[in-house]
Each structure stands twice: as C-alpha cells, then as structure tokens.
Amino acid sequence: MLEEAVTYPPRDGYPLFLTAKRYWIPEFEIHAEDPEAWTLILLHSTASHKESWGPTLERLFHCAGRDNSVKILTCDKYAEAIYHFLVASPDYGAKVDFRKRRLYGFDSITIVDPMLSPAGSHHLNKLRTILIKGAYERRDVWPDRVTAMKALRRRDRTKKWDPRILVVFIKHGIRPHPGSYYLENPYLGVTLACTRDQEALEYKIFF
C-alpha cells in the first residue's frame, strides 16, 4: 500500500492548516480518470490520528473487488473543514477534483455513537465528566517509545487493539517531550502528540 502526505494551507476564510493522508495501491491507478470511481474520506476521532486508518484501509483494499457499498458518516463539527478539503482542487495537492465528481448522498444513516443524543446534549453530562477525567488522568509521559509500547500492550483498553494500530500509534501518536528541546539538562522522553488538555477541551466544547 502506498501513501502520500498532503497539507492544505488556510484559504477562503478558513484559518487552519488541514493535513491529510492519501492511501492507494498501484492497481487503483488505472481508475484515476474514472468519474465513477470511489474515493473514501475517513476522519479520525479525538486523541487519535489519521494514520490509524492505515491497517483498516489495507484490509479494505484487499477486498476492493467485492461488491460492497460504503457510506461515509461524518460529524457536523468537521463540516467546514471537510467542505474546504473537498473544494481544494488539485492545485492544493489533492489527486481528485471533487468539484467535478458526483458526490453520493445518504440513502440512510445508522448512527451508533455515545456522543450523540436526540434528546439534547445535557444527557451526555455524565459521560462528558468521565471522558474529561480520563483525559486528564491518562498517562502521557514515557522515557522512550519502547516503554510506551509496553505500557499500551498492558493497558486494558489498548491491549485489544490490532498490533498494527499500536505500531502506527507509537510512530504518529507519540512525539518527543517538550523538555527534550532544552539545551541544558534536556528530558529525552516522549509524550502524547495530542496533549491531555487538548483532548479534554474537545470533550468540553464539541458536545
């Protein structure tokens, strides 16, 4: 499976950089000009990262010849970013000009997500409190990536992950600790790429 990193600069009033990863296999390239070819837009969850989709896409690509229908479920909080992504055009690094493609609408939507409540967001207060507490109390510093991997393999939630997901998380979800940049007495450990404050803030303001 091949991959390419793409960055879309701020433009048209949208103030943030958008980063994306394009994944494909060589067999797909013969369909590059086919207006009926499918392109999947996959979004990652809070405290995760885009590379975590890699193993799933690899499995999907191996099944590409099967007659399966794929529907994309998005979150309204991503709407503006996704709009700018879809209209970016090849001038900004996209390999597909979505402005010239027929985008499929939803025939039906099945939503299974604890963050959504048809009765209003106040029903999520208890869950929100649990998630915020978990974000602040999550371990976020390790002496090195090897130790971080061992810890994730022991943790109840992450030890169930596909081993390939753990590998990409250690590669992309962990970064050098800010203390490593000091010239004197640096701390050479690693920490979460998405900080505990950033994760908690998502839960506070996004639902």
C-alpha atoms as a PDB file:
ATOM      1  CA  MET A   1       0.000   0.000   0.000  1.00  0.00           C
ATOM      2  CA  LEU A   2       1.277   3.448  -0.963  1.00  0.00           C
ATOM      3  CA  GLU A   3       0.749   6.672   0.962  1.00  0.00           C
ATOM      4  CA  GLU A   4       1.260  10.397   0.481  1.00  0.00           C
ATOM      5  CA  ALA A   5       1.012  13.252   2.998  1.00  0.00           C
ATOM      6  CA  VAL A   6      -0.863  16.377   1.887  1.00  0.00           C
ATOM      7  CA  THR A   7      -1.191  19.769   3.611  1.00  0.00           C
ATOM      8  CA  TYR A   8      -3.825  22.332   2.632  1.00  0.00           C
ATOM      9  CA  PRO A   9      -2.996  25.930   3.629  1.00  0.00           C
ATOM     10  CA  PRO A  10      -5.505  28.367   5.176  1.00  0.00           C
ATOM     11  CA  ARG A  11      -7.641  29.985   2.486  1.00  0.00           C
ATOM     12  CA  ASP A  12     -11.088  31.391   1.691  1.00  0.00           C
ATOM     13  CA  GLY A  13     -11.612  32.498   5.273  1.00  0.00           C
ATOM     14  CA  TYR A  14     -10.773  29.141   6.867  1.00  0.00           C
ATOM     15  CA  PRO A  15      -7.881  29.887   9.283  1.00  0.00           C
ATOM     16  CA  LEU A  16      -6.303  26.483   9.889  1.00  0.00           C
ATOM     17  CA  PHE A  17      -3.972  24.170   8.015  1.00  0.00           C
ATOM     18  CA  LEU A  18      -5.582  20.850   7.057  1.00  0.00           C
ATOM     19  CA  THR A  19      -3.430  17.743   6.928  1.00  0.00           C
ATOM     20  CA  ALA A  20      -4.446  14.529   5.204  1.00  0.00           C
ATOM     21  CA  LYS A  21      -3.003  11.215   4.118  1.00  0.00           C
ATOM     22  CA  ARG A  22      -3.769   9.635   0.760  1.00  0.00           C
ATOM     23  CA  TYR A  23      -3.601   5.838   0.617  1.00  0.00           C
ATOM     24  CA  TRP A  24      -3.833   3.703  -2.503  1.00  0.00           C
ATOM     25  CA  ILE A  25      -2.488   0.623  -4.207  1.00  0.00           C
ATOM     26  CA  PRO A  26      -0.970   0.607  -7.722  1.00  0.00           C
ATOM     27  CA  GLU A  27      -3.951  -1.328  -9.096  1.00  0.00           C
ATOM     28  CA  PHE A  28      -6.164   1.695  -8.406  1.00  0.00           C
ATOM     29  CA  GLU A  29      -4.210   3.993 -10.706  1.00  0.00           C
ATOM     30  CA  ILE A  30      -5.959   2.716 -13.835  1.00  0.00           C
ATOM     31  CA  HIS A  31      -9.150   4.273 -12.430  1.00  0.00           C
ATOM     32  CA  ALA A  32      -7.596   7.708 -11.839  1.00  0.00           C
ATOM     33  CA  GLU A  33      -9.689   9.360 -14.580  1.00  0.00           C
ATOM     34  CA  ASP A  34     -12.863   7.357 -13.962  1.00  0.00           C
ATOM     35  CA  PRO A  35     -15.578   9.756 -12.691  1.00  0.00           C
ATOM     36  CA  GLU A  36     -17.465   6.789 -11.206  1.00  0.00           C
ATOM     37  CA  ALA A  37     -14.515   5.601  -9.097  1.00  0.00           C
ATOM     38  CA  TRP A  38     -14.980   5.792  -5.349  1.00  0.00           C
ATOM     39  CA  THR A  39     -12.859   7.912  -3.015  1.00  0.00           C
ATOM     40  CA  LEU A  40     -13.248   7.317   0.724  1.00  0.00           C
ATOM     41  CA  ILE A  41     -12.945  10.281   3.101  1.00  0.00           C
ATOM     42  CA  LEU A  42     -12.093   8.959   6.575  1.00  0.00           C
ATOM     43  CA  LEU A  43     -11.953  11.096   9.715  1.00  0.00           C
ATOM     44  CA  HIS A  44     -10.283  10.210  12.984  1.00  0.00           C
ATOM     45  CA  SER A  45     -11.618  10.578  16.496  1.00  0.00           C
ATOM     46  CA  THR A  46     -10.475  12.785  19.361  1.00  0.00           C
ATOM     47  CA  ALA A  47      -6.951  11.973  20.603  1.00  0.00           C
ATOM     48  CA  SER A  48      -6.377   9.661  17.632  1.00  0.00           C
ATOM     49  CA  HIS A  49      -4.537  10.379  14.374  1.00  0.00           C
ATOM     50  CA  LYS A  50      -5.142   9.951  10.667  1.00  0.00           C
ATOM     51  CA  GLU A  51      -2.540   7.198  10.266  1.00  0.00           C
ATOM     52  CA  SER A  52      -4.616   4.892  12.480  1.00  0.00           C
ATOM     53  CA  TRP A  53      -6.776   4.169   9.423  1.00  0.00           C
ATOM     54  CA  GLY A  54      -3.822   2.531   7.629  1.00  0.00           C
ATOM     55  CA  PRO A  55      -4.379  -1.114   8.670  1.00  0.00           C
ATOM     56  CA  THR A  56      -8.139  -0.864   8.045  1.00  0.00           C
ATOM     57  CA  LEU A  57      -7.612   0.581   4.571  1.00  0.00           C
ATOM     58  CA  GLU A  58      -5.055  -2.086   3.791  1.00  0.00           C
ATOM     59  CA  ARG A  59      -7.663  -4.733   4.532  1.00  0.00           C
ATOM     60  CA  LEU A  60     -10.346  -2.877   2.551  1.00  0.00           C
ATOM     61  CA  PHE A  61      -8.062  -2.567  -0.460  1.00  0.00           C
ATOM     62  CA  HIS A  62      -7.544  -6.314  -0.491  1.00  0.00           C
ATOM     63  CA  CYS A  63     -11.329  -6.654  -0.701  1.00  0.00           C
ATOM     64  CA  ALA A  64     -11.713  -3.962  -3.363  1.00  0.00           C
ATOM     65  CA  GLY A  65     -13.018  -6.391  -5.957  1.00  0.00           C
ATOM     66  CA  ARG A  66     -16.061  -7.314  -3.911  1.00  0.00           C
ATOM     67  CA  ASP A  67     -19.437  -5.688  -4.458  1.00  0.00           C
ATOM     68  CA  ASN A  68     -19.715  -3.822  -1.160  1.00  0.00           C
ATOM     69  CA  SER A  69     -21.363  -0.454  -0.629  1.00  0.00           C
ATOM     70  CA  VAL A  70     -19.505   2.021   1.550  1.00  0.00           C
ATOM     71  CA  LYS A  71     -21.233   5.030   3.062  1.00  0.00           C
ATOM     72  CA  ILE A  72     -19.319   7.829   4.729  1.00  0.00           C
ATOM     73  CA  LEU A  73     -20.580   9.066   8.091  1.00  0.00           C
ATOM     74  CA  THR A  74     -19.302  12.466   9.092  1.00  0.00           C
ATOM     75  CA  CYS A  75     -19.657  14.657  12.180  1.00  0.00           C
ATOM     76  CA  ASP A  76     -21.159  18.118  11.892  1.00  0.00           C
ATOM     77  CA  LYS A  77     -18.199  19.586  13.765  1.00  0.00           C
ATOM     78  CA  TYR A  78     -15.990  18.583  10.843  1.00  0.00           C
ATOM     79  CA  ALA A  79     -18.325  20.088   8.254  1.00  0.00           C
ATOM     80  CA  GLU A  80     -16.414  23.265   7.455  1.00  0.00           C
ATOM     81  CA  ALA A  81     -13.033  21.524   7.325  1.00  0.00           C
ATOM     82  CA  ILE A  82     -14.397  18.777   5.081  1.00  0.00           C
ATOM     83  CA  TYR A  83     -16.004  21.347   2.784  1.00  0.00           C
ATOM     84  CA  HIS A  84     -12.659  23.076   2.273  1.00  0.00           C
ATOM     85  CA  PHE A  85     -10.991  19.709   1.752  1.00  0.00           C
ATOM     86  CA  LEU A  86     -13.475  18.733  -0.952  1.00  0.00           C
ATOM     87  CA  VAL A  87     -13.206  22.012  -2.867  1.00  0.00           C
ATOM     88  CA  ALA A  88      -9.422  22.350  -2.524  1.00  0.00           C
ATOM     89  CA  SER A  89      -8.797  21.097  -6.099  1.00  0.00           C
ATOM     90  CA  PRO A  90      -5.565  19.563  -7.432  1.00  0.00           C
ATOM     91  CA  ASP A  91      -3.909  22.985  -7.135  1.00  0.00           C
ATOM     92  CA  TYR A  92      -3.608  22.305  -3.399  1.00  0.00           C
ATOM     93  CA  GLY A  93      -2.304  18.760  -3.580  1.00  0.00           C
ATOM     94  CA  ALA A  94      -5.496  16.732  -3.963  1.00  0.00           C
ATOM     95  CA  LYS A  95      -5.391  13.974  -6.561  1.00  0.00           C
ATOM     96  CA  VAL A  96      -9.150  14.119  -7.075  1.00  0.00           C
ATOM     97  CA  ASP A  97     -11.062  17.245  -8.100  1.00  0.00           C
ATOM     98  CA  PHE A  98     -14.239  16.699  -6.124  1.00  0.00           C
ATOM     99  CA  ARG A  99     -15.795  19.776  -7.703  1.00  0.00           C
ATOM    100  CA  LYS A 100     -16.109  17.773 -10.932  1.00  0.00           C
ATOM    101  CA  ARG A 101     -17.201  14.496  -9.349  1.00  0.00           C
ATOM    102  CA  ARG A 102     -20.693  13.373  -8.496  1.00  0.00           C
ATOM    103  CA  LEU A 103     -20.793  13.074  -4.704  1.00  0.00           C
ATOM    104  CA  TYR A 104     -23.190  10.465  -3.394  1.00  0.00           C
ATOM    105  CA  GLY A 105     -25.779  11.460  -0.825  1.00  0.00           C
ATOM    106  CA  PHE A 106     -27.085   9.375   2.038  1.00  0.00           C
ATOM    107  CA  ASP A 107     -29.788   6.784   1.409  1.00  0.00           C
ATOM    108  CA  SER A 108     -29.950   6.021   5.107  1.00  0.00           C
ATOM    109  CA  ILE A 109     -27.797   6.582   8.171  1.00  0.00           C
ATOM    110  CA  THR A 110     -27.258   4.293  11.131  1.00  0.00           C
ATOM    111  CA  ILE A 111     -25.602   6.136  14.000  1.00  0.00           C
ATOM    112  CA  VAL A 112     -24.093   4.269  16.935  1.00  0.00           C
ATOM    113  CA  ASP A 113     -22.118   6.754  18.997  1.00  0.00           C
ATOM    114  CA  PRO A 114     -22.360   7.649  22.684  1.00  0.00           C
ATOM    115  CA  MET A 115     -21.566  11.274  21.838  1.00  0.00           C
ATOM    116  CA  LEU A 116     -24.916  11.716  20.070  1.00  0.00           C
ATOM    117  CA  SER A 117     -28.237  12.156  21.840  1.00  0.00           C
ATOM    118  CA  PRO A 118     -31.523  13.014  20.085  1.00  0.00           C
ATOM    119  CA  ALA A 119     -32.812  14.353  23.415  1.00  0.00           C
ATOM    120  CA  GLY A 120     -30.105  17.002  23.729  1.00  0.00           C
ATOM    121  CA  SER A 121     -26.531  17.296  24.924  1.00  0.00           C
ATOM    122  CA  HIS A 122     -27.434  17.560  28.629  1.00  0.00           C
ATOM    123  CA  HIS A 123     -27.938  13.784  28.626  1.00  0.00           C
ATOM    124  CA  LEU A 124     -24.218  13.461  27.941  1.00  0.00           C
ATOM    125  CA  ASN A 125     -23.094  15.300  31.080  1.00  0.00           C
ATOM    126  CA  LYS A 126     -22.209  12.126  32.990  1.00  0.00           C
ATOM    127  CA  LEU A 127     -20.310  10.675  30.033  1.00  0.00           C
ATOM    128  CA  ARG A 128     -18.583  14.010  29.415  1.00  0.00           C
ATOM    129  CA  THR A 129     -17.385  14.071  33.032  1.00  0.00           C
ATOM    130  CA  ILE A 130     -15.975  10.543  32.712  1.00  0.00           C
ATOM    131  CA  LEU A 131     -14.168  11.360  29.454  1.00  0.00           C
ATOM    132  CA  ILE A 132     -12.672  14.592  30.783  1.00  0.00           C
ATOM    133  CA  LYS A 133     -11.487  12.843  33.938  1.00  0.00           C
ATOM    134  CA  GLY A 134      -9.971  10.054  31.841  1.00  0.00           C
ATOM    135  CA  ALA A 135      -8.194  12.551  29.594  1.00  0.00           C
ATOM    136  CA  TYR A 136      -6.600  14.411  32.497  1.00  0.00           C
ATOM    137  CA  GLU A 137      -5.571  11.221  34.313  1.00  0.00           C
ATOM    138  CA  ARG A 138      -4.236   9.429  31.248  1.00  0.00           C
ATOM    139  CA  ARG A 139      -0.547   8.624  31.344  1.00  0.00           C
ATOM    140  CA  ASP A 140       1.192  10.896  28.865  1.00  0.00           C
ATOM    141  CA  VAL A 141       4.945  10.604  29.510  1.00  0.00           C
ATOM    142  CA  TRP A 142       7.322   7.676  28.962  1.00  0.00           C
ATOM    143  CA  PRO A 143      11.122   7.514  28.937  1.00  0.00           C
ATOM    144  CA  ASP A 144      11.110   6.199  25.352  1.00  0.00           C
ATOM    145  CA  ARG A 145       8.867   4.699  22.649  1.00  0.00           C
ATOM    146  CA  VAL A 146       9.738   1.129  23.635  1.00  0.00           C
ATOM    147  CA  THR A 147       8.434   1.717  27.153  1.00  0.00           C
ATOM    148  CA  ALA A 148       5.346   3.441  25.747  1.00  0.00           C
ATOM    149  CA  MET A 149       4.624   0.399  23.569  1.00  0.00           C
ATOM    150  CA  LYS A 150       4.940  -1.954  26.548  1.00  0.00           C
ATOM    151  CA  ALA A 151       2.539   0.223  28.535  1.00  0.00           C
ATOM    152  CA  LEU A 152      -0.044   0.273  25.737  1.00  0.00           C
ATOM    153  CA  ARG A 153       0.137  -3.506  25.403  1.00  0.00           C
ATOM    154  CA  ARG A 154      -0.692  -3.836  29.117  1.00  0.00           C
ATOM    155  CA  ARG A 155      -3.440  -1.194  29.281  1.00  0.00           C
ATOM    156  CA  ASP A 156      -6.928  -2.731  29.301  1.00  0.00           C
ATOM    157  CA  ARG A 157      -8.282  -0.535  26.509  1.00  0.00           C
ATOM    158  CA  THR A 158      -5.331  -0.541  24.128  1.00  0.00           C
ATOM    159  CA  LYS A 159      -4.141  -4.122  24.569  1.00  0.00           C
ATOM    160  CA  LYS A 160      -7.153  -5.177  22.474  1.00  0.00           C
ATOM    161  CA  TRP A 161      -6.046  -3.073  19.509  1.00  0.00           C
ATOM    162  CA  ASP A 162      -4.768  -4.658  16.337  1.00  0.00           C
ATOM    163  CA  PRO A 163      -0.946  -4.834  16.730  1.00  0.00           C
ATOM    164  CA  ARG A 164      -0.554  -2.737  13.570  1.00  0.00           C
ATOM    165  CA  ILE A 165      -2.598   0.064  15.147  1.00  0.00           C
ATOM    166  CA  LEU A 166      -0.270   0.068  18.142  1.00  0.00           C
ATOM    167  CA  VAL A 167       2.721   0.392  15.815  1.00  0.00           C
ATOM    168  CA  VAL A 168       1.285   3.389  13.937  1.00  0.00           C
ATOM    169  CA  PHE A 169       0.193   4.995  17.221  1.00  0.00           C
ATOM    170  CA  ILE A 170       3.713   4.785  18.608  1.00  0.00           C
ATOM    171  CA  LYS A 171       5.021   6.253  15.340  1.00  0.00           C
ATOM    172  CA  HIS A 172       2.499   9.076  14.878  1.00  0.00           C
ATOM    173  CA  GLY A 173       0.619   9.481  18.177  1.00  0.00           C
ATOM    174  CA  ILE A 174       3.771   9.900  20.274  1.00  0.00           C
ATOM    175  CA  ARG A 175       6.236  12.789  19.953  1.00  0.00           C
ATOM    176  CA  PRO A 176       9.430  13.978  21.676  1.00  0.00           C
ATOM    177  CA  HIS A 177       8.719  15.535  25.063  1.00  0.00           C
ATOM    178  CA  PRO A 178       8.897  19.372  25.076  1.00  0.00           C
ATOM    179  CA  GLY A 179      11.634  19.074  27.685  1.00  0.00           C
ATOM    180  CA  SER A 180      13.892  17.458  25.095  1.00  0.00           C
ATOM    181  CA  TYR A 181      14.389  20.798  23.333  1.00  0.00           C
ATOM    182  CA  TYR A 182      16.216  22.442  26.234  1.00  0.00           C
ATOM    183  CA  LEU A 183      19.943  22.802  25.609  1.00  0.00           C
ATOM    184  CA  GLU A 184      20.757  22.293  29.278  1.00  0.00           C
ATOM    185  CA  ASN A 185      19.516  19.243  31.155  1.00  0.00           C
ATOM    186  CA  PRO A 186      17.052  18.079  28.474  1.00  0.00           C
ATOM    187  CA  TYR A 187      14.489  15.387  29.248  1.00  0.00           C
ATOM    188  CA  LEU A 188      14.730  12.885  26.390  1.00  0.00           C
ATOM    189  CA  GLY A 189      11.429  11.110  26.974  1.00  0.00           C
ATOM    190  CA  VAL A 190       8.306  11.048  24.801  1.00  0.00           C
ATOM    191  CA  THR A 191       4.727  12.225  25.274  1.00  0.00           C
ATOM    192  CA  LEU A 192       1.327  12.125  23.574  1.00  0.00           C
ATOM    193  CA  ALA A 193       1.064  14.099  20.321  1.00  0.00           C
ATOM    194  CA  CYS A 194      -2.453  15.111  21.405  1.00  0.00           C
ATOM    195  CA  THR A 195      -1.983  16.561  24.874  1.00  0.00           C
ATOM    196  CA  ARG A 196      -4.291  15.788  27.765  1.00  0.00           C
ATOM    197  CA  ASP A 197      -5.500  19.403  27.768  1.00  0.00           C
ATOM    198  CA  GLN A 198      -6.304  19.234  24.049  1.00  0.00           C
ATOM    199  CA  GLU A 199      -8.265  16.004  24.426  1.00  0.00           C
ATOM    200  CA  ALA A 200     -10.215  17.294  27.435  1.00  0.00           C
ATOM    201  CA  LEU A 201     -11.025  20.517  25.583  1.00  0.00           C
ATOM    202  CA  GLU A 202     -12.587  18.504  22.748  1.00  0.00           C
ATOM    203  CA  TYR A 203     -14.994  16.886  25.198  1.00  0.00           C
ATOM    204  CA  LYS A 204     -15.809  20.228  26.836  1.00  0.00           C
ATOM    205  CA  ILE A 205     -16.708  22.224  23.730  1.00  0.00           C
ATOM    206  CA  PHE A 206     -17.648  19.754  20.996  1.00  0.00           C
ATOM    207  CA  PHE A 207     -20.654  18.069  22.619  1.00  0.00           C
END
